[in-house]
Amino acid sequence: MVDAVAEEEGSEPVTLEPPLAEVVDSDALETLIKDSTISDIEIRFTYRGHDVVVDESGRVHVD
């Protein structure tokens, strides 16, 4: 996820502040996606002013 945001901003992932791990629990997010019984689940959150969407396949889209 952090790679997608960094790419959108044209920067390196390690330079993003605050670190994504301080904003989103990526383990919990992965568990939600993996264990969901909903076939078209999307999880949305905002990070550094970007709307981030993770779909049921784990694909990340950043606006």
PDB file of N, CA and C in Angstrom:
ATOM      1  N   MET A   1       0.813  -1.184   0.000  1.00  0.00           N
ATOM      2  CA  MET A   1       0.000   0.000   0.000  1.00  0.00           C
ATOM      3  C   MET A   1       0.863   1.258   0.000  1.00  0.00           C
ATOM      4  N   VAL A   2       1.872   1.260   0.846  1.00  0.00           N
ATOM      5  CA  VAL A   2       2.714   2.446   0.928  1.00  0.00           C
ATOM      6  C   VAL A   2       3.427   2.691  -0.398  1.00  0.00           C
ATOM      7  N   ASP A   3       3.756   1.616  -1.113  1.00  0.00           N
ATOM      8  CA  ASP A   3       4.399   1.776  -2.420  1.00  0.00           C
ATOM      9  C   ASP A   3       3.482   2.499  -3.400  1.00  0.00           C
ATOM     10  N   ALA A   4       2.192   2.175  -3.354  1.00  0.00           N
ATOM     11  CA  ALA A   4       1.234   2.800  -4.271  1.00  0.00           C
ATOM     12  C   ALA A   4       1.100   4.292  -3.979  1.00  0.00           C
ATOM     13  N   VAL A   5       1.066   4.663  -2.710  1.00  0.00           N
ATOM     14  CA  VAL A   5       0.971   6.083  -2.349  1.00  0.00           C
ATOM     15  C   VAL A   5       2.256   6.806  -2.739  1.00  0.00           C
ATOM     16  N   ALA A   6       3.402   6.196  -2.456  1.00  0.00           N
ATOM     17  CA  ALA A   6       4.678   6.819  -2.815  1.00  0.00           C
ATOM     18  C   ALA A   6       4.773   7.011  -4.319  1.00  0.00           C
ATOM     19  N   GLU A   7       4.335   6.035  -5.080  1.00  0.00           N
ATOM     20  CA  GLU A   7       4.356   6.163  -6.541  1.00  0.00           C
ATOM     21  C   GLU A   7       3.465   7.306  -6.989  1.00  0.00           C
ATOM     22  N   GLU A   8       2.292   7.414  -6.390  1.00  0.00           N
ATOM     23  CA  GLU A   8       1.359   8.497  -6.728  1.00  0.00           C
ATOM     24  C   GLU A   8       1.997   9.862  -6.458  1.00  0.00           C
ATOM     25  N   GLU A   9       2.789   9.955  -5.386  1.00  0.00           N
ATOM     26  CA  GLU A   9       3.428  11.214  -5.024  1.00  0.00           C
ATOM     27  C   GLU A   9       4.787  11.413  -5.683  1.00  0.00           C
ATOM     28  N   GLY A  10       5.314  10.360  -6.325  1.00  0.00           N
ATOM     29  CA  GLY A  10       6.626  10.468  -6.945  1.00  0.00           C
ATOM     30  C   GLY A  10       7.746  10.533  -5.927  1.00  0.00           C
ATOM     31  N   SER A  11       7.586   9.790  -4.832  1.00  0.00           N
ATOM     32  CA  SER A  11       8.606   9.803  -3.785  1.00  0.00           C
ATOM     33  C   SER A  11       8.933   8.373  -3.351  1.00  0.00           C
ATOM     34  N   GLU A  12       9.864   8.251  -2.428  1.00  0.00           N
ATOM     35  CA  GLU A  12      10.257   6.951  -1.898  1.00  0.00           C
ATOM     36  C   GLU A  12       9.362   6.606  -0.697  1.00  0.00           C
ATOM     37  N   PRO A  13       8.951   5.352  -0.576  1.00  0.00           N
ATOM     38  CA  PRO A  13       8.076   4.956   0.532  1.00  0.00           C
ATOM     39  C   PRO A  13       8.625   5.312   1.915  1.00  0.00           C
ATOM     40  N   VAL A  14       9.923   5.191   2.110  1.00  0.00           N
ATOM     41  CA  VAL A  14      10.500   5.453   3.439  1.00  0.00           C
ATOM     42  C   VAL A  14      10.457   6.924   3.821  1.00  0.00           C
ATOM     43  N   THR A  15      10.187   7.807   2.873  1.00  0.00           N
ATOM     44  CA  THR A  15      10.147   9.238   3.183  1.00  0.00           C
ATOM     45  C   THR A  15       8.758   9.722   3.585  1.00  0.00           C
ATOM     46  N   LEU A  16       7.745   8.877   3.472  1.00  0.00           N
ATOM     47  CA  LEU A  16       6.379   9.304   3.772  1.00  0.00           C
ATOM     48  C   LEU A  16       6.173   9.430   5.277  1.00  0.00           C
ATOM     49  N   GLU A  17       5.619  10.558   5.677  1.00  0.00           N
ATOM     50  CA  GLU A  17       5.311  10.828   7.073  1.00  0.00           C
ATOM     51  C   GLU A  17       3.844  11.177   7.207  1.00  0.00           C
ATOM     52  N   PRO A  18       3.132  10.668   8.168  1.00  0.00           N
ATOM     53  CA  PRO A  18       3.586   9.638   9.091  1.00  0.00           C
ATOM     54  C   PRO A  18       3.692   8.298   8.366  1.00  0.00           C
ATOM     55  N   PRO A  19       4.445   7.378   8.938  1.00  0.00           N
ATOM     56  CA  PRO A  19       4.516   6.051   8.330  1.00  0.00           C
ATOM     57  C   PRO A  19       3.115   5.428   8.255  1.00  0.00           C
ATOM     58  N   LEU A  20       2.850   4.713   7.197  1.00  0.00           N
ATOM     59  CA  LEU A  20       1.528   4.109   7.008  1.00  0.00           C
ATOM     60  C   LEU A  20       1.149   3.229   8.193  1.00  0.00           C
ATOM     61  N   ALA A  21       2.107   2.553   8.788  1.00  0.00           N
ATOM     62  CA  ALA A  21       1.837   1.666   9.924  1.00  0.00           C
ATOM     63  C   ALA A  21       1.261   2.422  11.125  1.00  0.00           C
ATOM     64  N   GLU A  22       1.466   3.730  11.188  1.00  0.00           N
ATOM     65  CA  GLU A  22       0.885   4.531  12.264  1.00  0.00           C
ATOM     66  C   GLU A  22      -0.551   4.929  11.962  1.00  0.00           C
ATOM     67  N   VAL A  23      -0.979   4.735  10.727  1.00  0.00           N
ATOM     68  CA  VAL A  23      -2.310   5.158  10.303  1.00  0.00           C
ATOM     69  C   VAL A  23      -3.252   3.973  10.112  1.00  0.00           C
ATOM     70  N   VAL A  24      -2.720   2.871   9.564  1.00  0.00           N
ATOM     71  CA  VAL A  24      -3.531   1.700   9.241  1.00  0.00           C
ATOM     72  C   VAL A  24      -2.824   0.446   9.734  1.00  0.00           C
ATOM     73  N   ASP A  25      -3.573  -0.439  10.354  1.00  0.00           N
ATOM     74  CA  ASP A  25      -3.038  -1.730  10.768  1.00  0.00           C
ATOM     75  C   ASP A  25      -3.098  -2.657   9.554  1.00  0.00           C
ATOM     76  N   SER A  26      -1.976  -2.808   8.859  1.00  0.00           N
ATOM     77  CA  SER A  26      -1.967  -3.575   7.606  1.00  0.00           C
ATOM     78  C   SER A  26      -2.265  -5.053   7.842  1.00  0.00           C
ATOM     79  N   ASP A  27      -1.896  -5.602   8.997  1.00  0.00           N
ATOM     80  CA  ASP A  27      -2.235  -7.000   9.296  1.00  0.00           C
ATOM     81  C   ASP A  27      -3.745  -7.174   9.430  1.00  0.00           C
ATOM     82  N   ALA A  28      -4.397  -6.245  10.111  1.00  0.00           N
ATOM     83  CA  ALA A  28      -5.849  -6.307  10.255  1.00  0.00           C
ATOM     84  C   ALA A  28      -6.529  -6.135   8.899  1.00  0.00           C
ATOM     85  N   LEU A  29      -6.016  -5.237   8.089  1.00  0.00           N
ATOM     86  CA  LEU A  29      -6.569  -5.021   6.753  1.00  0.00           C
ATOM     87  C   LEU A  29      -6.461  -6.296   5.918  1.00  0.00           C
ATOM     88  N   GLU A  30      -5.295  -6.932   5.948  1.00  0.00           N
ATOM     89  CA  GLU A  30      -5.094  -8.174   5.200  1.00  0.00           C
ATOM     90  C   GLU A  30      -6.044  -9.265   5.688  1.00  0.00           C
ATOM     91  N   THR A  31      -6.235  -9.353   6.998  1.00  0.00           N
ATOM     92  CA  THR A  31      -7.149 -10.350   7.558  1.00  0.00           C
ATOM     93  C   THR A  31      -8.581 -10.085   7.107  1.00  0.00           C
ATOM     94  N   LEU A  32      -8.992  -8.821   7.104  1.00  0.00           N
ATOM     95  CA  LEU A  32     -10.336  -8.479   6.635  1.00  0.00           C
ATOM     96  C   LEU A  32     -10.552  -8.925   5.195  1.00  0.00           C
ATOM     97  N   ILE A  33      -9.566  -8.682   4.354  1.00  0.00           N
ATOM     98  CA  ILE A  33      -9.671  -9.049   2.940  1.00  0.00           C
ATOM     99  C   ILE A  33      -9.703 -10.574   2.795  1.00  0.00           C
ATOM    100  N   LYS A  34      -8.761 -11.260   3.448  1.00  0.00           N
ATOM    101  CA  LYS A  34      -8.650 -12.718   3.319  1.00  0.00           C
ATOM    102  C   LYS A  34      -9.854 -13.459   3.867  1.00  0.00           C
ATOM    103  N   ASP A  35     -10.366 -13.009   5.012  1.00  0.00           N
ATOM    104  CA  ASP A  35     -11.413 -13.740   5.707  1.00  0.00           C
ATOM    105  C   ASP A  35     -12.823 -13.291   5.345  1.00  0.00           C
ATOM    106  N   SER A  36     -12.938 -12.328   4.462  1.00  0.00           N
ATOM    107  CA  SER A  36     -14.258 -11.815   4.102  1.00  0.00           C
ATOM    108  C   SER A  36     -15.048 -12.843   3.303  1.00  0.00           C
ATOM    109  N   THR A  37     -16.336 -12.919   3.598  1.00  0.00           N
ATOM    110  CA  THR A  37     -17.228 -13.776   2.815  1.00  0.00           C
ATOM    111  C   THR A  37     -17.933 -12.961   1.740  1.00  0.00           C
ATOM    112  N   ILE A  38     -17.614 -11.682   1.671  1.00  0.00           N
ATOM    113  CA  ILE A  38     -18.202 -10.804   0.655  1.00  0.00           C
ATOM    114  C   ILE A  38     -17.294 -10.841  -0.569  1.00  0.00           C
ATOM    115  N   SER A  39     -17.855 -11.128  -1.720  1.00  0.00           N
ATOM    116  CA  SER A  39     -17.028 -11.311  -2.916  1.00  0.00           C
ATOM    117  C   SER A  39     -16.536  -9.999  -3.525  1.00  0.00           C
ATOM    118  N   ASP A  40     -17.190  -8.902  -3.235  1.00  0.00           N
ATOM    119  CA  ASP A  40     -16.767  -7.631  -3.837  1.00  0.00           C
ATOM    120  C   ASP A  40     -16.459  -6.577  -2.774  1.00  0.00           C
ATOM    121  N   ILE A  41     -15.754  -6.994  -1.736  1.00  0.00           N
ATOM    122  CA  ILE A  41     -15.423  -6.086  -0.634  1.00  0.00           C
ATOM    123  C   ILE A  41     -14.394  -5.041  -1.079  1.00  0.00           C
ATOM    124  N   GLU A  42     -14.564  -3.836  -0.577  1.00  0.00           N
ATOM    125  CA  GLU A  42     -13.582  -2.761  -0.757  1.00  0.00           C
ATOM    126  C   GLU A  42     -13.387  -2.098   0.598  1.00  0.00           C
ATOM    127  N   ILE A  43     -12.148  -1.872   0.940  1.00  0.00           N
ATOM    128  CA  ILE A  43     -11.838  -1.149   2.169  1.00  0.00           C
ATOM    129  C   ILE A  43     -11.197   0.158   1.761  1.00  0.00           C
ATOM    130  N   ARG A  44     -11.726   1.248   2.309  1.00  0.00           N
ATOM    131  CA  ARG A  44     -11.270   2.583   1.936  1.00  0.00           C
ATOM    132  C   ARG A  44     -10.748   3.318   3.165  1.00  0.00           C
ATOM    133  N   PHE A  45      -9.693   4.084   2.953  1.00  0.00           N
ATOM    134  CA  PHE A  45      -9.189   4.949   4.005  1.00  0.00           C
ATOM    135  C   PHE A  45      -8.427   6.093   3.354  1.00  0.00           C
ATOM    136  N   THR A  46      -8.142   7.120   4.140  1.00  0.00           N
ATOM    137  CA  THR A  46      -7.402   8.277   3.656  1.00  0.00           C
ATOM    138  C   THR A  46      -6.018   8.264   4.273  1.00  0.00           C
ATOM    139  N   TYR A  47      -5.017   8.499   3.433  1.00  0.00           N
ATOM    140  CA  TYR A  47      -3.627   8.575   3.897  1.00  0.00           C
ATOM    141  C   TYR A  47      -2.940   9.683   3.125  1.00  0.00           C
ATOM    142  N   ARG A  48      -2.398  10.648   3.841  1.00  0.00           N
ATOM    143  CA  ARG A  48      -1.676  11.788   3.266  1.00  0.00           C
ATOM    144  C   ARG A  48      -2.529  12.525   2.225  1.00  0.00           C
ATOM    145  N   GLY A  49      -3.824  12.600   2.483  1.00  0.00           N
ATOM    146  CA  GLY A  49      -4.726  13.315   1.586  1.00  0.00           C
ATOM    147  C   GLY A  49      -5.169  12.512   0.375  1.00  0.00           C
ATOM    148  N   HIS A  50      -4.774  11.255   0.299  1.00  0.00           N
ATOM    149  CA  HIS A  50      -5.164  10.380  -0.805  1.00  0.00           C
ATOM    150  C   HIS A  50      -6.242   9.414  -0.340  1.00  0.00           C
ATOM    151  N   ASP A  51      -7.197   9.148  -1.213  1.00  0.00           N
ATOM    152  CA  ASP A  51      -8.165   8.088  -0.961  1.00  0.00           C
ATOM    153  C   ASP A  51      -7.532   6.786  -1.428  1.00  0.00           C
ATOM    154  N   VAL A  52      -7.414   5.828  -0.521  1.00  0.00           N
ATOM    155  CA  VAL A  52      -6.807   4.541  -0.820  1.00  0.00           C
ATOM    156  C   VAL A  52      -7.905   3.485  -0.748  1.00  0.00           C
ATOM    157  N   VAL A  53      -7.992   2.650  -1.787  1.00  0.00           N
ATOM    158  CA  VAL A  53      -8.996   1.590  -1.848  1.00  0.00           C
ATOM    159  C   VAL A  53      -8.275   0.270  -2.050  1.00  0.00           C
ATOM    160  N   VAL A  54      -8.601  -0.701  -1.197  1.00  0.00           N
ATOM    161  CA  VAL A  54      -8.066  -2.051  -1.332  1.00  0.00           C
ATOM    162  C   VAL A  54      -9.247  -2.956  -1.639  1.00  0.00           C
ATOM    163  N   ASP A  55      -9.168  -3.705  -2.752  1.00  0.00           N
ATOM    164  CA  ASP A  55     -10.294  -4.564  -3.122  1.00  0.00           C
ATOM    165  C   ASP A  55     -10.066  -5.998  -2.651  1.00  0.00           C
ATOM    166  N   GLU A  56     -11.024  -6.873  -2.976  1.00  0.00           N
ATOM    167  CA  GLU A  56     -11.008  -8.251  -2.484  1.00  0.00           C
ATOM    168  C   GLU A  56      -9.791  -9.046  -2.949  1.00  0.00           C
ATOM    169  N   SER A  57      -9.148  -8.621  -4.019  1.00  0.00           N
ATOM    170  CA  SER A  57      -7.964  -9.322  -4.505  1.00  0.00           C
ATOM    171  C   SER A  57      -6.677  -8.784  -3.859  1.00  0.00           C
ATOM    172  N   GLY A  58      -6.818  -7.713  -3.053  1.00  0.00           N
ATOM    173  CA  GLY A  58      -5.661  -7.085  -2.440  1.00  0.00           C
ATOM    174  C   GLY A  58      -5.061  -5.978  -3.291  1.00  0.00           C
ATOM    175  N   ARG A  59      -5.674  -5.725  -4.439  1.00  0.00           N
ATOM    176  CA  ARG A  59      -5.215  -4.659  -5.328  1.00  0.00           C
ATOM    177  C   ARG A  59      -5.463  -3.305  -4.660  1.00  0.00           C
ATOM    178  N   VAL A  60      -4.501  -2.401  -4.796  1.00  0.00           N
ATOM    179  CA  VAL A  60      -4.569  -1.079  -4.167  1.00  0.00           C
ATOM    180  C   VAL A  60      -4.726  -0.021  -5.254  1.00  0.00           C
ATOM    181  N   HIS A  61      -5.687   0.889  -5.037  1.00  0.00           N
ATOM    182  CA  HIS A  61      -5.893   2.007  -5.944  1.00  0.00           C
ATOM    183  C   HIS A  61      -5.784   3.293  -5.120  1.00  0.00           C
ATOM    184  N   VAL A  62      -5.028   4.255  -5.618  1.00  0.00           N
ATOM    185  CA  VAL A  62      -4.813   5.514  -4.907  1.00  0.00           C
ATOM    186  C   VAL A  62      -5.295   6.672  -5.775  1.00  0.00           C
ATOM    187  N   ASP A  63      -6.141   7.527  -5.194  1.00  0.00           N
ATOM    188  CA  ASP A  63      -6.601   8.752  -5.877  1.00  0.00           C
ATOM    189  C   ASP A  63      -6.033   9.959  -5.180  1.00  0.00           C
TER     190      ASP A  63
END
